Amino acid sequence: MKQSKQSLIHTRGKRKRAVARATLNKGKGNIKINGQSLDSFGTKMMRLRIAEPLILAGDVASKVNCSVNVHGGGSSGQADAIRLAIARALVEHDENLKKIFTAYDRLLLVADVRQKEVCKPNDSKARAKRQKSYR
């Protein structure tokens, strides 16, 4: 079991406009997001989505504390950015988790680069076209 010798691990995760920065250190399995615990952050679906890498990591996650700062974007984008940052930190802490995370969901380690399509000039939406009137 190859583990890192660093005391602090800093990683970053992005999704749409949301950016999350995670700091991992030895501890008792506490997860803080913007200063509040994971149990009181966001909705239940967001908490489950964020907890996926922690559940897959098993006992490795119970031996480290993780502090995450996230800003920008909406709630879903923030949840995915946090999930990516935590998963990357855990893989940097323990290399054996890389294979487990990749088999479960590739987006745990690789950022989803899709962005919102920009609005075109003189139109209301990205794909909407002006109506034509011939009368």
C-alpha atoms as a PDB file:
ATOM      1  CA  MET A   1       0.000   0.000   0.000  1.00  0.00           C
ATOM      2  CA  LYS A   2       1.840   3.039  -1.279  1.00  0.00           C
ATOM      3  CA  GLN A   3       0.953   6.183   0.647  1.00  0.00           C
ATOM      4  CA  SER A   4       2.218   9.725   0.336  1.00  0.00           C
ATOM      5  CA  LYS A   5       4.634  11.164   2.861  1.00  0.00           C
ATOM      6  CA  GLN A   6       3.223  14.689   2.569  1.00  0.00           C
ATOM      7  CA  SER A   7       1.391  16.035   5.593  1.00  0.00           C
ATOM      8  CA  LEU A   8      -0.835  18.370   3.545  1.00  0.00           C
ATOM      9  CA  ILE A   9      -2.277  17.667   0.113  1.00  0.00           C
ATOM     10  CA  HIS A  10      -3.845  20.479  -1.938  1.00  0.00           C
ATOM     11  CA  THR A  11      -6.040  19.703  -4.955  1.00  0.00           C
ATOM     12  CA  ARG A  12      -8.528  21.546  -7.135  1.00  0.00           C
ATOM     13  CA  GLY A  13     -11.726  20.563  -8.894  1.00  0.00           C
ATOM     14  CA  LYS A  14     -13.790  22.488 -11.439  1.00  0.00           C
ATOM     15  CA  ARG A  15     -17.256  22.038 -12.938  1.00  0.00           C
ATOM     16  CA  LYS A  16     -18.906  24.705 -15.096  1.00  0.00           C
ATOM     17  CA  ARG A  17     -18.294  27.952 -13.141  1.00  0.00           C
ATOM     18  CA  ALA A  18     -17.716  26.274  -9.750  1.00  0.00           C
ATOM     19  CA  VAL A  19     -14.186  25.927  -8.366  1.00  0.00           C
ATOM     20  CA  ALA A  20     -13.370  23.806  -5.288  1.00  0.00           C
ATOM     21  CA  ARG A  21     -10.034  23.699  -3.461  1.00  0.00           C
ATOM     22  CA  ALA A  22      -9.478  20.778  -1.091  1.00  0.00           C
ATOM     23  CA  THR A  23      -6.860  20.372   1.630  1.00  0.00           C
ATOM     24  CA  LEU A  24      -6.275  16.875   2.989  1.00  0.00           C
ATOM     25  CA  ASN A  25      -4.358  16.052   6.193  1.00  0.00           C
ATOM     26  CA  LYS A  26      -4.222  13.286   8.779  1.00  0.00           C
ATOM     27  CA  GLY A  27      -7.149  13.158  11.145  1.00  0.00           C
ATOM     28  CA  LYS A  28     -10.331  11.351  12.125  1.00  0.00           C
ATOM     29  CA  GLY A  29     -12.433  11.561   8.963  1.00  0.00           C
ATOM     30  CA  ASN A  30     -13.921  15.051   9.359  1.00  0.00           C
ATOM     31  CA  ILE A  31     -15.099  16.747   6.156  1.00  0.00           C
ATOM     32  CA  LYS A  32     -15.633  20.533   6.201  1.00  0.00           C
ATOM     33  CA  ILE A  33     -17.069  22.477   3.272  1.00  0.00           C
ATOM     34  CA  ASN A  34     -16.814  26.263   3.522  1.00  0.00           C
ATOM     35  CA  GLY A  35     -16.403  25.878   7.286  1.00  0.00           C
ATOM     36  CA  GLN A  36     -19.461  23.683   7.878  1.00  0.00           C
ATOM     37  CA  SER A  37     -19.630  19.911   8.160  1.00  0.00           C
ATOM     38  CA  LEU A  38     -20.730  17.729   5.251  1.00  0.00           C
ATOM     39  CA  ASP A  39     -23.860  16.674   7.203  1.00  0.00           C
ATOM     40  CA  SER A  40     -25.249  20.223   7.130  1.00  0.00           C
ATOM     41  CA  PHE A  41     -24.152  21.239   3.609  1.00  0.00           C
ATOM     42  CA  GLY A  42     -26.707  21.594   0.797  1.00  0.00           C
ATOM     43  CA  THR A  43     -29.422  19.084  -0.039  1.00  0.00           C
ATOM     44  CA  LYS A  44     -29.424  15.347   0.584  1.00  0.00           C
ATOM     45  CA  MET A  45     -28.644  14.586  -3.082  1.00  0.00           C
ATOM     46  CA  MET A  46     -25.665  16.970  -2.991  1.00  0.00           C
ATOM     47  CA  ARG A  47     -24.355  15.299   0.175  1.00  0.00           C
ATOM     48  CA  LEU A  48     -24.693  11.822  -1.371  1.00  0.00           C
ATOM     49  CA  ARG A  49     -22.904  12.950  -4.533  1.00  0.00           C
ATOM     50  CA  ILE A  50     -20.064  14.522  -2.515  1.00  0.00           C
ATOM     51  CA  ALA A  51     -19.770  11.437  -0.280  1.00  0.00           C
ATOM     52  CA  GLU A  52     -19.248   8.977  -3.183  1.00  0.00           C
ATOM     53  CA  PRO A  53     -15.415   9.119  -3.157  1.00  0.00           C
ATOM     54  CA  LEU A  54     -15.415   8.880   0.656  1.00  0.00           C
ATOM     55  CA  ILE A  55     -17.603   5.754   0.598  1.00  0.00           C
ATOM     56  CA  LEU A  56     -15.470   4.127  -2.115  1.00  0.00           C
ATOM     57  CA  ALA A  57     -12.256   4.929  -0.230  1.00  0.00           C
ATOM     58  CA  GLY A  58     -13.516   3.095   2.872  1.00  0.00           C
ATOM     59  CA  ASP A  59     -11.117   3.100   5.824  1.00  0.00           C
ATOM     60  CA  VAL A  60      -8.646   5.415   4.031  1.00  0.00           C
ATOM     61  CA  ALA A  61     -11.195   8.258   4.260  1.00  0.00           C
ATOM     62  CA  SER A  62     -11.689   7.676   7.987  1.00  0.00           C
ATOM     63  CA  LYS A  63      -7.993   8.396   8.648  1.00  0.00           C
ATOM     64  CA  VAL A  64      -7.875  11.845   7.012  1.00  0.00           C
ATOM     65  CA  ASN A  65      -9.548  15.220   7.484  1.00  0.00           C
ATOM     66  CA  CYS A  66     -10.584  17.210   4.433  1.00  0.00           C
ATOM     67  CA  SER A  67     -11.316  20.922   4.273  1.00  0.00           C
ATOM     68  CA  VAL A  68     -12.901  22.268   1.057  1.00  0.00           C
ATOM     69  CA  ASN A  69     -13.491  25.844  -0.090  1.00  0.00           C
ATOM     70  CA  VAL A  70     -15.901  26.198  -3.006  1.00  0.00           C
ATOM     71  CA  HIS A  71     -17.223  29.252  -4.829  1.00  0.00           C
ATOM     72  CA  GLY A  72     -18.995  30.132  -8.058  1.00  0.00           C
ATOM     73  CA  GLY A  73     -21.541  28.247 -10.103  1.00  0.00           C
ATOM     74  CA  GLY A  74     -24.740  26.633  -8.922  1.00  0.00           C
ATOM     75  CA  SER A  75     -25.390  23.950  -6.349  1.00  0.00           C
ATOM     76  CA  SER A  76     -25.005  20.991  -8.733  1.00  0.00           C
ATOM     77  CA  GLY A  77     -21.777  22.348 -10.223  1.00  0.00           C
ATOM     78  CA  GLN A  78     -20.380  22.978  -6.757  1.00  0.00           C
ATOM     79  CA  ALA A  79     -21.218  19.416  -5.668  1.00  0.00           C
ATOM     80  CA  ASP A  80     -19.387  17.965  -8.678  1.00  0.00           C
ATOM     81  CA  ALA A  81     -16.395  20.272  -8.153  1.00  0.00           C
ATOM     82  CA  ILE A  82     -16.146  19.245  -4.480  1.00  0.00           C
ATOM     83  CA  ARG A  83     -16.443  15.555  -5.414  1.00  0.00           C
ATOM     84  CA  LEU A  84     -13.622  15.904  -7.963  1.00  0.00           C
ATOM     85  CA  ALA A  85     -11.328  17.782  -5.560  1.00  0.00           C
ATOM     86  CA  ILE A  86     -11.844  15.256  -2.739  1.00  0.00           C
ATOM     87  CA  ALA A  87     -11.317  12.261  -5.038  1.00  0.00           C
ATOM     88  CA  ARG A  88      -8.094  13.726  -6.438  1.00  0.00           C
ATOM     89  CA  ALA A  89      -6.788  14.400  -2.925  1.00  0.00           C
ATOM     90  CA  LEU A  90      -7.570  10.846  -1.816  1.00  0.00           C
ATOM     91  CA  VAL A  91      -5.786   9.399  -4.869  1.00  0.00           C
ATOM     92  CA  GLU A  92      -2.749  11.561  -4.144  1.00  0.00           C
ATOM     93  CA  HIS A  93      -2.833  10.248  -0.569  1.00  0.00           C
ATOM     94  CA  ASP A  94      -3.234   6.586  -1.595  1.00  0.00           C
ATOM     95  CA  GLU A  95      -2.443   5.498  -5.190  1.00  0.00           C
ATOM     96  CA  ASN A  96      -4.475   2.261  -4.895  1.00  0.00           C
ATOM     97  CA  LEU A  97      -7.733   4.237  -5.005  1.00  0.00           C
ATOM     98  CA  LYS A  98      -7.131   5.359  -8.602  1.00  0.00           C
ATOM     99  CA  LYS A  99      -8.218   2.035 -10.075  1.00  0.00           C
ATOM    100  CA  ILE A 100     -11.311   1.871  -7.827  1.00  0.00           C
ATOM    101  CA  PHE A 101     -12.422   5.417  -8.700  1.00  0.00           C
ATOM    102  CA  THR A 102     -11.847   4.943 -12.440  1.00  0.00           C
ATOM    103  CA  ALA A 103     -13.847   1.714 -12.480  1.00  0.00           C
ATOM    104  CA  TYR A 104     -16.752   3.354 -10.614  1.00  0.00           C
ATOM    105  CA  ASP A 105     -16.932   6.690 -12.459  1.00  0.00           C
ATOM    106  CA  ARG A 106     -14.261   8.339 -14.613  1.00  0.00           C
ATOM    107  CA  LEU A 107     -15.561  11.805 -13.645  1.00  0.00           C
ATOM    108  CA  LEU A 108     -14.231  11.270 -10.112  1.00  0.00           C
ATOM    109  CA  LEU A 109     -10.719  11.947 -11.431  1.00  0.00           C
ATOM    110  CA  VAL A 110     -11.209  13.716 -14.782  1.00  0.00           C
ATOM    111  CA  ALA A 111     -12.970  17.071 -14.961  1.00  0.00           C
ATOM    112  CA  ASP A 112     -16.130  17.416 -17.039  1.00  0.00           C
ATOM    113  CA  VAL A 113     -15.142  20.279 -19.352  1.00  0.00           C
ATOM    114  CA  ARG A 114     -18.577  21.064 -20.792  1.00  0.00           C
ATOM    115  CA  GLN A 115     -19.631  24.693 -20.390  1.00  0.00           C
ATOM    116  CA  LYS A 116     -22.827  26.649 -20.939  1.00  0.00           C
ATOM    117  CA  GLU A 117     -23.188  27.744 -24.560  1.00  0.00           C
ATOM    118  CA  VAL A 118     -22.949  31.498 -24.983  1.00  0.00           C
ATOM    119  CA  CYS A 119     -25.821  33.636 -26.274  1.00  0.00           C
ATOM    120  CA  LYS A 120     -25.471  34.769 -29.879  1.00  0.00           C
ATOM    121  CA  PRO A 121     -25.717  38.476 -30.753  1.00  0.00           C
ATOM    122  CA  ASN A 122     -29.266  39.871 -31.115  1.00  0.00           C
ATOM    123  CA  ASP A 123     -30.849  36.664 -29.793  1.00  0.00           C
ATOM    124  CA  SER A 124     -32.403  35.872 -26.445  1.00  0.00           C
ATOM    125  CA  LYS A 125     -30.962  32.372 -25.954  1.00  0.00           C
ATOM    126  CA  ALA A 126     -28.017  30.314 -27.156  1.00  0.00           C
ATOM    127  CA  ARG A 127     -29.966  28.309 -29.765  1.00  0.00           C
ATOM    128  CA  ALA A 128     -33.043  30.500 -30.294  1.00  0.00           C
ATOM    129  CA  LYS A 129     -33.435  32.222 -33.658  1.00  0.00           C
ATOM    130  CA  ARG A 130     -35.312  35.411 -34.484  1.00  0.00           C
ATOM    131  CA  GLN A 131     -38.808  34.866 -35.823  1.00  0.00           C
ATOM    132  CA  LYS A 132     -39.402  36.058 -39.344  1.00  0.00           C
ATOM    133  CA  SER A 133     -42.529  37.909 -40.305  1.00  0.00           C
ATOM    134  CA  TYR A 134     -43.308  38.282 -44.012  1.00  0.00           C
ATOM    135  CA  ARG A 135     -46.422  40.470 -43.604  1.00  0.00           C
END
